[in-house]
């Protein structure tokens, strides 16, 4: 009803409006900053990741509960094995430590390495911050395709961006990093080193899924893992034919050129009964991964990689006794890349 009423501005009113506009322009960023510094409004998602709780679980072991935007706002846990002298609360003299990322395998979680191995008692790691992040029961260290929609879960983004930045800003992690993992985590260690050049100075994979596109058996096996817990297997990387480029982008064999410049450690058994197995134990999974690792080692040699160490130890199945042994065997290479113990 007021649309046609003319507005008349006196000189005084015009000056007042100008002053008001300037004040609003100056104060608006401050107001936005105050909101950002406090708790988000209901329903609003904070960018990145934030620690929502901290639990000391043992000597030198701390669990961080981290809320992640890349994981749809869900909270997941990360275990830290801390070095001697680690004190993230000392902001004035905070040290940034060389960092070893240890990735768990399928069906495990962020507690696997400390519960199944002696990593927490390993003296050579007392000068290193060890990061053991949650990666989902079968997350495959990937940002899932989700039929072209992307989104939750985005494990790769969570680890390599959100969590990395959080740890380096607030929890004493340095930019000097190496990465190792077993099985699914072995694939993750190779993928992260290859897909993020310069992020990791060395990588090690124990019984890793090193070439999932090797043959139909390998494809069918990893698709079976993708389908675990009643999941739609096409959500992860899509169809191995229709989305071939996505599969190749997550297959270490097809990323071998990106691993040429850093030390790489590969180890695997052949799936037959080994010295650390109960009598008669065999593993078709280990036999498949053994073929995949041999293929990756040959491809690394073909593309000119000069810092590859392999331990294809023959008899041995897919088990923790071997992975604990192989972590110990690879530590001199990993710590050497970090410059620890020189």
C-alpha atoms as a PDB file:
ATOM      1  CA  UNK A   1       0.000   0.000   0.000  1.00  0.00           C
ATOM      2  CA  UNK A   2       3.062   2.249   0.282  1.00  0.00           C
ATOM      3  CA  UNK A   3       4.570   1.438  -3.121  1.00  0.00           C
ATOM      4  CA  UNK A   4       3.705   4.743  -4.708  1.00  0.00           C
ATOM      5  CA  UNK A   5       4.606   7.046  -1.815  1.00  0.00           C
ATOM      6  CA  UNK A   6       7.674   9.093  -2.803  1.00  0.00           C
ATOM      7  CA  UNK A   7      10.658   9.045  -0.444  1.00  0.00           C
ATOM      8  CA  UNK A   8      12.156  12.409   0.327  1.00  0.00           C
ATOM      9  CA  UNK A   9      15.690  12.488   1.784  1.00  0.00           C
ATOM     10  CA  UNK A  10      16.753  15.617   3.596  1.00  0.00           C
ATOM     11  CA  UNK A  11      20.519  16.342   3.621  1.00  0.00           C
ATOM     12  CA  UNK A  12      20.664  15.369   7.316  1.00  0.00           C
ATOM     13  CA  UNK A  13      18.819  12.097   6.744  1.00  0.00           C
ATOM     14  CA  UNK A  14      21.071  11.262   3.790  1.00  0.00           C
ATOM     15  CA  UNK A  15      24.185  11.789   5.918  1.00  0.00           C
ATOM     16  CA  UNK A  16      22.752   9.587   8.685  1.00  0.00           C
ATOM     17  CA  UNK A  17      22.000   6.817   6.213  1.00  0.00           C
ATOM     18  CA  UNK A  18      25.532   7.037   4.809  1.00  0.00           C
ATOM     19  CA  UNK A  19      27.058   6.755   8.295  1.00  0.00           C
ATOM     20  CA  UNK A  20      24.797   3.784   9.066  1.00  0.00           C
ATOM     21  CA  UNK A  21      25.849   2.018   5.865  1.00  0.00           C
ATOM     22  CA  UNK A  22      29.531   2.484   6.667  1.00  0.00           C
ATOM     23  CA  UNK A  23      29.054   1.140  10.200  1.00  0.00           C
ATOM     24  CA  UNK A  24      27.239  -1.925   8.907  1.00  0.00           C
ATOM     25  CA  UNK A  25      30.007  -2.594   6.385  1.00  0.00           C
ATOM     26  CA  UNK A  26      32.645  -2.383   9.124  1.00  0.00           C
ATOM     27  CA  UNK A  27      30.795  -4.414  11.743  1.00  0.00           C
ATOM     28  CA  UNK A  28      29.434  -7.191   9.500  1.00  0.00           C
ATOM     29  CA  UNK A  29      32.745  -9.159   9.244  1.00  0.00           C
ATOM     30  CA  UNK A  30      33.138  -8.894  13.040  1.00  0.00           C
ATOM     31  CA  UNK A  31      29.654 -10.262  13.553  1.00  0.00           C
ATOM     32  CA  UNK A  32      30.328 -13.142  11.154  1.00  0.00           C
ATOM     33  CA  UNK A  33      33.596 -13.870  12.964  1.00  0.00           C
ATOM     34  CA  UNK A  34      31.825 -13.941  16.322  1.00  0.00           C
ATOM     35  CA  UNK A  35      29.322 -16.492  15.010  1.00  0.00           C
ATOM     36  CA  UNK A  36      32.096 -18.590  13.464  1.00  0.00           C
ATOM     37  CA  UNK A  37      34.050 -18.579  16.724  1.00  0.00           C
ATOM     38  CA  UNK A  38      31.096 -19.865  18.723  1.00  0.00           C
ATOM     39  CA  UNK A  39      28.931 -22.926  18.303  1.00  0.00           C
ATOM     40  CA  UNK A  40      27.244 -23.272  14.920  1.00  0.00           C
ATOM     41  CA  UNK A  41      23.557 -22.653  14.686  1.00  0.00           C
ATOM     42  CA  UNK A  42      21.311 -25.709  14.811  1.00  0.00           C
ATOM     43  CA  UNK A  43      21.468 -27.491  11.483  1.00  0.00           C
ATOM     44  CA  UNK A  44      24.572 -25.625  10.325  1.00  0.00           C
ATOM     45  CA  UNK A  45      27.622 -27.715   9.372  1.00  0.00           C
ATOM     46  CA  UNK A  46      31.035 -26.442  10.392  1.00  0.00           C
ATOM     47  CA  UNK A  47      33.633 -26.716   7.653  1.00  0.00           C
ATOM     48  CA  UNK A  48      36.503 -29.133   8.008  1.00  0.00           C
ATOM     49  CA  UNK A  49      36.960 -31.170  11.166  1.00  0.00           C
ATOM     50  CA  UNK A  50      37.009 -30.459  14.884  1.00  0.00           C
ATOM     51  CA  UNK A  51      37.980 -32.433  17.965  1.00  0.00           C
ATOM     52  CA  UNK A  52      34.971 -32.888  20.217  1.00  0.00           C
ATOM     53  CA  UNK A  53      36.580 -34.989  22.946  1.00  0.00           C
ATOM     54  CA  UNK A  54      39.983 -36.306  24.048  1.00  0.00           C
ATOM     55  CA  UNK A  55      40.607 -39.553  25.952  1.00  0.00           C
ATOM     56  CA  UNK A  56      43.935 -40.789  27.318  1.00  0.00           C
ATOM     57  CA  UNK A  57      43.693 -44.568  26.968  1.00  0.00           C
ATOM     58  CA  UNK A  58      47.210 -45.644  27.986  1.00  0.00           C
ATOM     59  CA  UNK A  59      50.725 -44.361  28.411  1.00  0.00           C
ATOM     60  CA  UNK A  60      51.515 -42.283  25.291  1.00  0.00           C
ATOM     61  CA  UNK A  61      48.148 -43.225  23.744  1.00  0.00           C
ATOM     62  CA  UNK A  62      45.481 -40.576  23.177  1.00  0.00           C
ATOM     63  CA  UNK A  63      42.185 -40.944  21.326  1.00  0.00           C
ATOM     64  CA  UNK A  64      40.674 -37.952  19.567  1.00  0.00           C
ATOM     65  CA  UNK A  65      36.981 -37.971  18.666  1.00  0.00           C
ATOM     66  CA  UNK A  66      36.757 -35.913  15.509  1.00  0.00           C
ATOM     67  CA  UNK A  67      33.631 -34.529  13.886  1.00  0.00           C
ATOM     68  CA  UNK A  68      34.130 -34.431  10.109  1.00  0.00           C
ATOM     69  CA  UNK A  69      32.336 -32.496   7.408  1.00  0.00           C
ATOM     70  CA  UNK A  70      33.728 -34.941   4.816  1.00  0.00           C
ATOM     71  CA  UNK A  71      31.931 -37.725   6.673  1.00  0.00           C
ATOM     72  CA  UNK A  72      28.606 -35.950   6.745  1.00  0.00           C
ATOM     73  CA  UNK A  73      29.118 -34.440  10.190  1.00  0.00           C
ATOM     74  CA  UNK A  74      29.701 -37.832  11.817  1.00  0.00           C
ATOM     75  CA  UNK A  75      32.201 -38.267  14.631  1.00  0.00           C
ATOM     76  CA  UNK A  76      34.980 -40.851  14.282  1.00  0.00           C
ATOM     77  CA  UNK A  77      38.021 -41.665  16.384  1.00  0.00           C
ATOM     78  CA  UNK A  78      41.744 -41.297  15.776  1.00  0.00           C
ATOM     79  CA  UNK A  79      44.374 -42.871  18.003  1.00  0.00           C
ATOM     80  CA  UNK A  80      47.685 -41.106  18.542  1.00  0.00           C
ATOM     81  CA  UNK A  81      50.789 -42.834  19.838  1.00  0.00           C
ATOM     82  CA  UNK A  82      52.662 -39.832  21.123  1.00  0.00           C
ATOM     83  CA  UNK A  83      56.424 -39.220  21.294  1.00  0.00           C
ATOM     84  CA  UNK A  84      58.343 -38.516  24.480  1.00  0.00           C
ATOM     85  CA  UNK A  85      57.984 -34.841  25.355  1.00  0.00           C
ATOM     86  CA  UNK A  86      54.777 -34.350  23.346  1.00  0.00           C
ATOM     87  CA  UNK A  87      52.723 -31.499  24.800  1.00  0.00           C
ATOM     88  CA  UNK A  88      50.172 -29.916  22.454  1.00  0.00           C
ATOM     89  CA  UNK A  89      49.050 -27.518  25.187  1.00  0.00           C
ATOM     90  CA  UNK A  90      52.418 -25.760  25.216  1.00  0.00           C
ATOM     91  CA  UNK A  91      51.626 -23.394  22.360  1.00  0.00           C
ATOM     92  CA  UNK A  92      54.676 -21.218  22.981  1.00  0.00           C
ATOM     93  CA  UNK A  93      57.232 -24.017  22.631  1.00  0.00           C
ATOM     94  CA  UNK A  94      55.189 -26.604  20.770  1.00  0.00           C
ATOM     95  CA  UNK A  95      57.272 -29.019  18.746  1.00  0.00           C
ATOM     96  CA  UNK A  96      56.074 -30.429  15.436  1.00  0.00           C
ATOM     97  CA  UNK A  97      57.026 -34.076  15.299  1.00  0.00           C
ATOM     98  CA  UNK A  98      57.874 -36.343  12.375  1.00  0.00           C
ATOM     99  CA  UNK A  99      54.747 -38.352  11.733  1.00  0.00           C
ATOM    100  CA  UNK A 100      54.015 -41.962  10.816  1.00  0.00           C
ATOM    101  CA  UNK A 101      50.513 -42.675   9.587  1.00  0.00           C
ATOM    102  CA  UNK A 102      49.500 -46.309  10.227  1.00  0.00           C
ATOM    103  CA  UNK A 103      46.391 -47.423   8.337  1.00  0.00           C
ATOM    104  CA  UNK A 104      44.203 -50.341   9.379  1.00  0.00           C
ATOM    105  CA  UNK A 105      42.688 -52.983   7.142  1.00  0.00           C
ATOM    106  CA  UNK A 106      39.180 -54.019   6.268  1.00  0.00           C
ATOM    107  CA  UNK A 107      37.066 -55.145   9.214  1.00  0.00           C
ATOM    108  CA  UNK A 108      39.431 -53.390  11.629  1.00  0.00           C
ATOM    109  CA  UNK A 109      39.440 -49.923  13.130  1.00  0.00           C
ATOM    110  CA  UNK A 110      41.639 -47.211  14.629  1.00  0.00           C
ATOM    111  CA  UNK A 111      42.564 -49.470  17.585  1.00  0.00           C
ATOM    112  CA  UNK A 112      43.824 -52.369  15.463  1.00  0.00           C
ATOM    113  CA  UNK A 113      47.522 -51.535  15.393  1.00  0.00           C
ATOM    114  CA  UNK A 114      47.846 -51.022  19.155  1.00  0.00           C
ATOM    115  CA  UNK A 115      45.650 -53.980  20.088  1.00  0.00           C
ATOM    116  CA  UNK A 116      47.178 -56.492  17.662  1.00  0.00           C
ATOM    117  CA  UNK A 117      50.876 -55.532  17.592  1.00  0.00           C
ATOM    118  CA  UNK A 118      53.628 -54.252  19.863  1.00  0.00           C
ATOM    119  CA  UNK A 119      53.784 -50.891  18.122  1.00  0.00           C
ATOM    120  CA  UNK A 120      53.210 -49.045  21.412  1.00  0.00           C
ATOM    121  CA  UNK A 121      56.292 -50.711  22.907  1.00  0.00           C
ATOM    122  CA  UNK A 122      58.568 -50.044  19.926  1.00  0.00           C
ATOM    123  CA  UNK A 123      61.448 -47.913  21.189  1.00  0.00           C
ATOM    124  CA  UNK A 124      62.344 -46.538  17.760  1.00  0.00           C
ATOM    125  CA  UNK A 125      58.950 -44.792  17.657  1.00  0.00           C
ATOM    126  CA  UNK A 126      59.448 -42.773  20.822  1.00  0.00           C
ATOM    127  CA  UNK A 127      60.559 -39.761  18.752  1.00  0.00           C
ATOM    128  CA  UNK A 128      57.684 -40.023  16.271  1.00  0.00           C
ATOM    129  CA  UNK A 129      53.998 -39.122  16.387  1.00  0.00           C
ATOM    130  CA  UNK A 130      52.079 -42.171  15.138  1.00  0.00           C
ATOM    131  CA  UNK A 131      48.627 -41.414  13.696  1.00  0.00           C
ATOM    132  CA  UNK A 132      46.141 -44.294  13.473  1.00  0.00           C
ATOM    133  CA  UNK A 133      42.894 -42.945  12.009  1.00  0.00           C
ATOM    134  CA  UNK A 134      39.523 -44.595  11.662  1.00  0.00           C
ATOM    135  CA  UNK A 135      38.796 -45.481   8.038  1.00  0.00           C
ATOM    136  CA  UNK A 136      35.534 -47.375   8.235  1.00  0.00           C
ATOM    137  CA  UNK A 137      34.945 -51.116   8.218  1.00  0.00           C
ATOM    138  CA  UNK A 138      35.362 -51.078   4.429  1.00  0.00           C
ATOM    139  CA  UNK A 139      35.991 -47.432   3.566  1.00  0.00           C
ATOM    140  CA  UNK A 140      38.892 -48.227   1.199  1.00  0.00           C
ATOM    141  CA  UNK A 141      40.616 -44.895   1.851  1.00  0.00           C
ATOM    142  CA  UNK A 142      38.524 -43.304  -0.883  1.00  0.00           C
ATOM    143  CA  UNK A 143      36.034 -40.545  -1.468  1.00  0.00           C
ATOM    144  CA  UNK A 144      33.113 -42.718  -2.525  1.00  0.00           C
ATOM    145  CA  UNK A 145      31.607 -42.228  -5.960  1.00  0.00           C
ATOM    146  CA  UNK A 146      28.029 -42.671  -4.693  1.00  0.00           C
ATOM    147  CA  UNK A 147      26.624 -43.025  -8.215  1.00  0.00           C
ATOM    148  CA  UNK A 148      28.191 -39.746  -9.277  1.00  0.00           C
ATOM    149  CA  UNK A 149      26.907 -37.745  -6.296  1.00  0.00           C
ATOM    150  CA  UNK A 150      30.048 -37.924  -4.146  1.00  0.00           C
ATOM    151  CA  UNK A 151      29.691 -36.898  -0.524  1.00  0.00           C
ATOM    152  CA  UNK A 152      29.672 -39.056   2.594  1.00  0.00           C
ATOM    153  CA  UNK A 153      31.867 -40.990   3.106  1.00  0.00           C
ATOM    154  CA  UNK A 154      34.878 -39.084   1.816  1.00  0.00           C
ATOM    155  CA  UNK A 155      37.633 -40.879   3.703  1.00  0.00           C
ATOM    156  CA  UNK A 156      40.473 -39.594   1.541  1.00  0.00           C
ATOM    157  CA  UNK A 157      39.411 -35.988   2.072  1.00  0.00           C
ATOM    158  CA  UNK A 158      38.978 -36.586   5.786  1.00  0.00           C
ATOM    159  CA  UNK A 159      42.472 -38.040   6.177  1.00  0.00           C
ATOM    160  CA  UNK A 160      44.586 -36.037   3.746  1.00  0.00           C
ATOM    161  CA  UNK A 161      42.947 -32.649   4.258  1.00  0.00           C
ATOM    162  CA  UNK A 162      40.743 -32.313   7.320  1.00  0.00           C
ATOM    163  CA  UNK A 163      42.606 -34.522   9.779  1.00  0.00           C
ATOM    164  CA  UNK A 164      46.056 -33.611   8.508  1.00  0.00           C
ATOM    165  CA  UNK A 165      45.387 -29.895   8.914  1.00  0.00           C
ATOM    166  CA  UNK A 166      43.840 -30.425  12.344  1.00  0.00           C
ATOM    167  CA  UNK A 167      46.782 -32.469  13.630  1.00  0.00           C
ATOM    168  CA  UNK A 168      49.372 -30.070  12.270  1.00  0.00           C
ATOM    169  CA  UNK A 169      47.596 -27.026  13.666  1.00  0.00           C
ATOM    170  CA  UNK A 170      46.740 -28.251  17.159  1.00  0.00           C
ATOM    171  CA  UNK A 171      48.315 -31.619  17.983  1.00  0.00           C
ATOM    172  CA  UNK A 172      52.018 -31.391  17.182  1.00  0.00           C
ATOM    173  CA  UNK A 173      52.118 -33.234  13.866  1.00  0.00           C
ATOM    174  CA  UNK A 174      54.813 -32.028  11.504  1.00  0.00           C
ATOM    175  CA  UNK A 175      54.898 -31.838   7.734  1.00  0.00           C
ATOM    176  CA  UNK A 176      57.540 -34.573   7.620  1.00  0.00           C
ATOM    177  CA  UNK A 177      55.383 -37.694   7.059  1.00  0.00           C
ATOM    178  CA  UNK A 178      55.489 -41.351   6.002  1.00  0.00           C
ATOM    179  CA  UNK A 179      52.599 -43.803   5.651  1.00  0.00           C
ATOM    180  CA  UNK A 180      52.182 -47.562   6.046  1.00  0.00           C
ATOM    181  CA  UNK A 181      49.275 -49.966   6.198  1.00  0.00           C
ATOM    182  CA  UNK A 182      48.045 -53.530   5.881  1.00  0.00           C
ATOM    183  CA  UNK A 183      45.604 -55.106   3.418  1.00  0.00           C
ATOM    184  CA  UNK A 184      43.007 -52.396   2.685  1.00  0.00           C
ATOM    185  CA  UNK A 185      45.308 -50.002   4.543  1.00  0.00           C
ATOM    186  CA  UNK A 186      48.235 -51.132   2.417  1.00  0.00           C
ATOM    187  CA  UNK A 187      46.301 -50.021  -0.610  1.00  0.00           C
ATOM    188  CA  UNK A 188      45.494 -46.797   1.232  1.00  0.00           C
ATOM    189  CA  UNK A 189      49.163 -46.162   1.997  1.00  0.00           C
ATOM    190  CA  UNK A 190      50.110 -46.594  -1.661  1.00  0.00           C
ATOM    191  CA  UNK A 191      47.165 -44.511  -2.867  1.00  0.00           C
ATOM    192  CA  UNK A 192      47.781 -41.602  -0.525  1.00  0.00           C
ATOM    193  CA  UNK A 193      51.469 -41.454  -1.413  1.00  0.00           C
ATOM    194  CA  UNK A 194      50.711 -41.604  -5.143  1.00  0.00           C
ATOM    195  CA  UNK A 195      47.633 -39.388  -5.282  1.00  0.00           C
ATOM    196  CA  UNK A 196      49.147 -36.652  -3.086  1.00  0.00           C
ATOM    197  CA  UNK A 197      52.696 -36.111  -4.348  1.00  0.00           C
ATOM    198  CA  UNK A 198      54.992 -34.641  -1.727  1.00  0.00           C
ATOM    199  CA  UNK A 199      52.715 -35.428   1.194  1.00  0.00           C
ATOM    200  CA  UNK A 200      54.555 -38.589   2.240  1.00  0.00           C
ATOM    201  CA  UNK A 201      58.293 -39.216   2.031  1.00  0.00           C
ATOM    202  CA  UNK A 202      57.953 -43.012   1.948  1.00  0.00           C
ATOM    203  CA  UNK A 203      55.242 -45.667   1.905  1.00  0.00           C
ATOM    204  CA  UNK A 204      54.947 -49.297   2.978  1.00  0.00           C
ATOM    205  CA  UNK A 205      52.231 -51.841   2.192  1.00  0.00           C
ATOM    206  CA  UNK A 206      51.917 -55.178   3.976  1.00  0.00           C
ATOM    207  CA  UNK A 207      49.713 -57.702   2.137  1.00  0.00           C
ATOM    208  CA  UNK A 208      48.175 -54.726   0.372  1.00  0.00           C
ATOM    209  CA  UNK A 209      45.556 -54.659  -2.352  1.00  0.00           C
ATOM    210  CA  UNK A 210      48.136 -53.389  -4.819  1.00  0.00           C
ATOM    211  CA  UNK A 211      46.425 -54.005  -8.175  1.00  0.00           C
ATOM    212  CA  UNK A 212      42.669 -54.637  -7.803  1.00  0.00           C
ATOM    213  CA  UNK A 213      42.236 -54.533 -11.597  1.00  0.00           C
ATOM    214  CA  UNK A 214      44.730 -57.385 -12.088  1.00  0.00           C
ATOM    215  CA  UNK A 215      42.092 -59.863 -13.274  1.00  0.00           C
ATOM    216  CA  UNK A 216      38.471 -60.889 -12.814  1.00  0.00           C
ATOM    217  CA  UNK A 217      39.256 -62.767  -9.610  1.00  0.00           C
ATOM    218  CA  UNK A 218      40.801 -59.670  -8.082  1.00  0.00           C
ATOM    219  CA  UNK A 219      37.890 -57.481  -9.195  1.00  0.00           C
ATOM    220  CA  UNK A 220      35.303 -59.927  -7.869  1.00  0.00           C
ATOM    221  CA  UNK A 221      37.113 -60.188  -4.557  1.00  0.00           C
ATOM    222  CA  UNK A 222      37.283 -56.453  -3.904  1.00  0.00           C
ATOM    223  CA  UNK A 223      33.681 -56.041  -5.059  1.00  0.00           C
ATOM    224  CA  UNK A 224      32.799 -58.597  -2.410  1.00  0.00           C
ATOM    225  CA  UNK A 225      34.455 -56.399   0.190  1.00  0.00           C
ATOM    226  CA  UNK A 226      32.652 -53.349  -1.191  1.00  0.00           C
ATOM    227  CA  UNK A 227      29.370 -55.201  -0.660  1.00  0.00           C
ATOM    228  CA  UNK A 228      30.113 -55.866   3.018  1.00  0.00           C
ATOM    229  CA  UNK A 229      27.583 -54.842   5.659  1.00  0.00           C
ATOM    230  CA  UNK A 230      24.815 -54.867   3.004  1.00  0.00           C
ATOM    231  CA  UNK A 231      26.426 -51.977   1.118  1.00  0.00           C
ATOM    232  CA  UNK A 232      25.792 -51.305  -2.566  1.00  0.00           C
ATOM    233  CA  UNK A 233      29.230 -52.194  -4.029  1.00  0.00           C
ATOM    234  CA  UNK A 234      28.860 -49.658  -6.835  1.00  0.00           C
ATOM    235  CA  UNK A 235      28.877 -46.800  -4.340  1.00  0.00           C
ATOM    236  CA  UNK A 236      32.639 -46.996  -3.807  1.00  0.00           C
ATOM    237  CA  UNK A 237      34.272 -46.632  -7.258  1.00  0.00           C
ATOM    238  CA  UNK A 238      31.323 -47.426  -9.512  1.00  0.00           C
ATOM    239  CA  UNK A 239      31.270 -50.202 -12.080  1.00  0.00           C
ATOM    240  CA  UNK A 240      34.725 -51.578 -13.012  1.00  0.00           C
ATOM    241  CA  UNK A 241      33.861 -51.261 -16.713  1.00  0.00           C
ATOM    242  CA  UNK A 242      31.649 -48.181 -16.939  1.00  0.00           C
ATOM    243  CA  UNK A 243      33.732 -46.242 -14.359  1.00  0.00           C
ATOM    244  CA  UNK A 244      37.086 -47.707 -15.400  1.00  0.00           C
ATOM    245  CA  UNK A 245      38.902 -44.398 -15.024  1.00  0.00           C
ATOM    246  CA  UNK A 246      37.791 -44.114 -11.399  1.00  0.00           C
ATOM    247  CA  UNK A 247      39.006 -47.644 -10.718  1.00  0.00           C
ATOM    248  CA  UNK A 248      42.359 -46.934 -12.350  1.00  0.00           C
ATOM    249  CA  UNK A 249      42.692 -43.745 -10.306  1.00  0.00           C
ATOM    250  CA  UNK A 250      42.471 -45.927  -7.169  1.00  0.00           C
ATOM    251  CA  UNK A 251      44.664 -48.791  -8.391  1.00  0.00           C
ATOM    252  CA  UNK A 252      48.320 -48.439  -7.234  1.00  0.00           C
ATOM    253  CA  UNK A 253      49.535 -50.333 -10.319  1.00  0.00           C
ATOM    254  CA  UNK A 254      48.130 -47.606 -12.567  1.00  0.00           C
ATOM    255  CA  UNK A 255      49.720 -44.919 -10.358  1.00  0.00           C
ATOM    256  CA  UNK A 256      53.189 -46.481 -10.320  1.00  0.00           C
ATOM    257  CA  UNK A 257      54.847 -43.509 -12.036  1.00  0.00           C
ATOM    258  CA  UNK A 258      53.791 -41.307  -9.133  1.00  0.00           C
ATOM    259  CA  UNK A 259      55.701 -43.557  -6.713  1.00  0.00           C
ATOM    260  CA  UNK A 260      59.014 -43.446  -8.576  1.00  0.00           C
ATOM    261  CA  UNK A 261      60.623 -40.745  -6.462  1.00  0.00           C
ATOM    262  CA  UNK A 262      60.016 -42.093  -2.943  1.00  0.00           C
ATOM    263  CA  UNK A 263      61.041 -45.259  -1.073  1.00  0.00           C
ATOM    264  CA  UNK A 264      58.409 -47.997  -1.376  1.00  0.00           C
ATOM    265  CA  UNK A 265      58.251 -51.174   0.716  1.00  0.00           C
ATOM    266  CA  UNK A 266      56.078 -54.088  -0.472  1.00  0.00           C
ATOM    267  CA  UNK A 267      55.639 -57.383   1.332  1.00  0.00           C
ATOM    268  CA  UNK A 268      53.268 -60.313   1.028  1.00  0.00           C
ATOM    269  CA  UNK A 269      52.992 -64.057   1.587  1.00  0.00           C
ATOM    270  CA  UNK A 270      51.800 -66.539  -1.006  1.00  0.00           C
ATOM    271  CA  UNK A 271      48.761 -67.790   0.930  1.00  0.00           C
ATOM    272  CA  UNK A 272      50.145 -71.206   1.869  1.00  0.00           C
ATOM    273  CA  UNK A 273      50.857 -72.323   5.420  1.00  0.00           C
ATOM    274  CA  UNK A 274      53.747 -70.307   6.796  1.00  0.00           C
ATOM    275  CA  UNK A 275      55.927 -70.380   9.929  1.00  0.00           C
ATOM    276  CA  UNK A 276      53.581 -68.051  11.840  1.00  0.00           C
ATOM    277  CA  UNK A 277      50.372 -69.941  10.940  1.00  0.00           C
ATOM    278  CA  UNK A 278      48.523 -72.790  12.602  1.00  0.00           C
ATOM    279  CA  UNK A 279      48.909 -76.124  10.778  1.00  0.00           C
ATOM    280  CA  UNK A 280      47.006 -76.332   7.509  1.00  0.00           C
ATOM    281  CA  UNK A 281      46.077 -72.647   7.315  1.00  0.00           C
ATOM    282  CA  UNK A 282      45.770 -71.177   3.818  1.00  0.00           C
ATOM    283  CA  UNK A 283      44.506 -67.877   2.381  1.00  0.00           C
ATOM    284  CA  UNK A 284      43.168 -67.333  -1.136  1.00  0.00           C
ATOM    285  CA  UNK A 285      43.062 -63.615  -0.341  1.00  0.00           C
ATOM    286  CA  UNK A 286      46.777 -63.522   0.425  1.00  0.00           C
ATOM    287  CA  UNK A 287      47.524 -65.501  -2.730  1.00  0.00           C
ATOM    288  CA  UNK A 288      45.588 -62.956  -4.786  1.00  0.00           C
ATOM    289  CA  UNK A 289      47.314 -60.004  -3.106  1.00  0.00           C
ATOM    290  CA  UNK A 290      50.660 -61.734  -3.639  1.00  0.00           C
ATOM    291  CA  UNK A 291      50.071 -61.756  -7.407  1.00  0.00           C
ATOM    292  CA  UNK A 292      48.969 -58.126  -7.245  1.00  0.00           C
ATOM    293  CA  UNK A 293      52.108 -57.082  -5.357  1.00  0.00           C
ATOM    294  CA  UNK A 294      54.385 -58.899  -7.786  1.00  0.00           C
ATOM    295  CA  UNK A 295      52.647 -57.059 -10.625  1.00  0.00           C
ATOM    296  CA  UNK A 296      53.104 -53.683  -8.923  1.00  0.00           C
ATOM    297  CA  UNK A 297      56.774 -54.397  -8.164  1.00  0.00           C
ATOM    298  CA  UNK A 298      57.379 -55.241 -11.841  1.00  0.00           C
ATOM    299  CA  UNK A 299      55.578 -52.086 -12.938  1.00  0.00           C
ATOM    300  CA  UNK A 300      57.606 -49.944 -10.541  1.00  0.00           C
ATOM    301  CA  UNK A 301      60.763 -51.403 -12.020  1.00  0.00           C
ATOM    302  CA  UNK A 302      59.472 -50.761 -15.537  1.00  0.00           C
ATOM    303  CA  UNK A 303      58.764 -47.081 -14.846  1.00  0.00           C
ATOM    304  CA  UNK A 304      62.180 -46.538 -13.303  1.00  0.00           C
ATOM    305  CA  UNK A 305      61.533 -46.544  -9.564  1.00  0.00           C
ATOM    306  CA  UNK A 306      64.891 -46.886  -7.813  1.00  0.00           C
ATOM    307  CA  UNK A 307      63.908 -47.101  -4.158  1.00  0.00           C
ATOM    308  CA  UNK A 308      61.721 -50.203  -3.992  1.00  0.00           C
ATOM    309  CA  UNK A 309      62.199 -52.849  -1.309  1.00  0.00           C
ATOM    310  CA  UNK A 310      60.257 -56.102  -1.607  1.00  0.00           C
ATOM    311  CA  UNK A 311      59.882 -58.967   0.823  1.00  0.00           C
ATOM    312  CA  UNK A 312      57.797 -61.613  -0.904  1.00  0.00           C
ATOM    313  CA  UNK A 313      58.463 -64.174   1.768  1.00  0.00           C
ATOM    314  CA  UNK A 314      56.654 -67.166   0.303  1.00  0.00           C
ATOM    315  CA  UNK A 315      54.612 -69.272   2.754  1.00  0.00           C
ATOM    316  CA  UNK A 316      52.370 -67.100   4.898  1.00  0.00           C
ATOM    317  CA  UNK A 317      48.693 -66.192   5.179  1.00  0.00           C
ATOM    318  CA  UNK A 318      46.754 -62.970   5.754  1.00  0.00           C
ATOM    319  CA  UNK A 319      47.451 -62.413   9.441  1.00  0.00           C
ATOM    320  CA  UNK A 320      48.706 -60.039  12.104  1.00  0.00           C
ATOM    321  CA  UNK A 321      51.796 -62.033  13.018  1.00  0.00           C
ATOM    322  CA  UNK A 322      53.214 -61.277   9.565  1.00  0.00           C
ATOM    323  CA  UNK A 323      52.117 -57.633   9.533  1.00  0.00           C
ATOM    324  CA  UNK A 324      53.731 -56.957  12.910  1.00  0.00           C
ATOM    325  CA  UNK A 325      56.944 -58.527  11.639  1.00  0.00           C
ATOM    326  CA  UNK A 326      56.814 -56.535   8.410  1.00  0.00           C
ATOM    327  CA  UNK A 327      56.240 -53.240  10.211  1.00  0.00           C
ATOM    328  CA  UNK A 328      59.404 -53.877  12.194  1.00  0.00           C
ATOM    329  CA  UNK A 329      61.272 -54.791   9.018  1.00  0.00           C
ATOM    330  CA  UNK A 330      60.133 -51.638   7.206  1.00  0.00           C
ATOM    331  CA  UNK A 331      60.751 -49.189  10.064  1.00  0.00           C
ATOM    332  CA  UNK A 332      64.399 -48.520   9.187  1.00  0.00           C
ATOM    333  CA  UNK A 333      63.330 -47.396   5.717  1.00  0.00           C
ATOM    334  CA  UNK A 334      60.358 -45.382   7.020  1.00  0.00           C
ATOM    335  CA  UNK A 335      62.294 -43.717   9.832  1.00  0.00           C
ATOM    336  CA  UNK A 336      65.232 -43.077   7.523  1.00  0.00           C
ATOM    337  CA  UNK A 337      62.888 -41.155   5.220  1.00  0.00           C
ATOM    338  CA  UNK A 338      61.786 -39.118   8.256  1.00  0.00           C
ATOM    339  CA  UNK A 339      65.385 -38.469   9.264  1.00  0.00           C
ATOM    340  CA  UNK A 340      64.800 -40.092  12.650  1.00  0.00           C
ATOM    341  CA  UNK A 341      67.744 -41.831  14.267  1.00  0.00           C
ATOM    342  CA  UNK A 342      70.325 -40.364  11.868  1.00  0.00           C
END
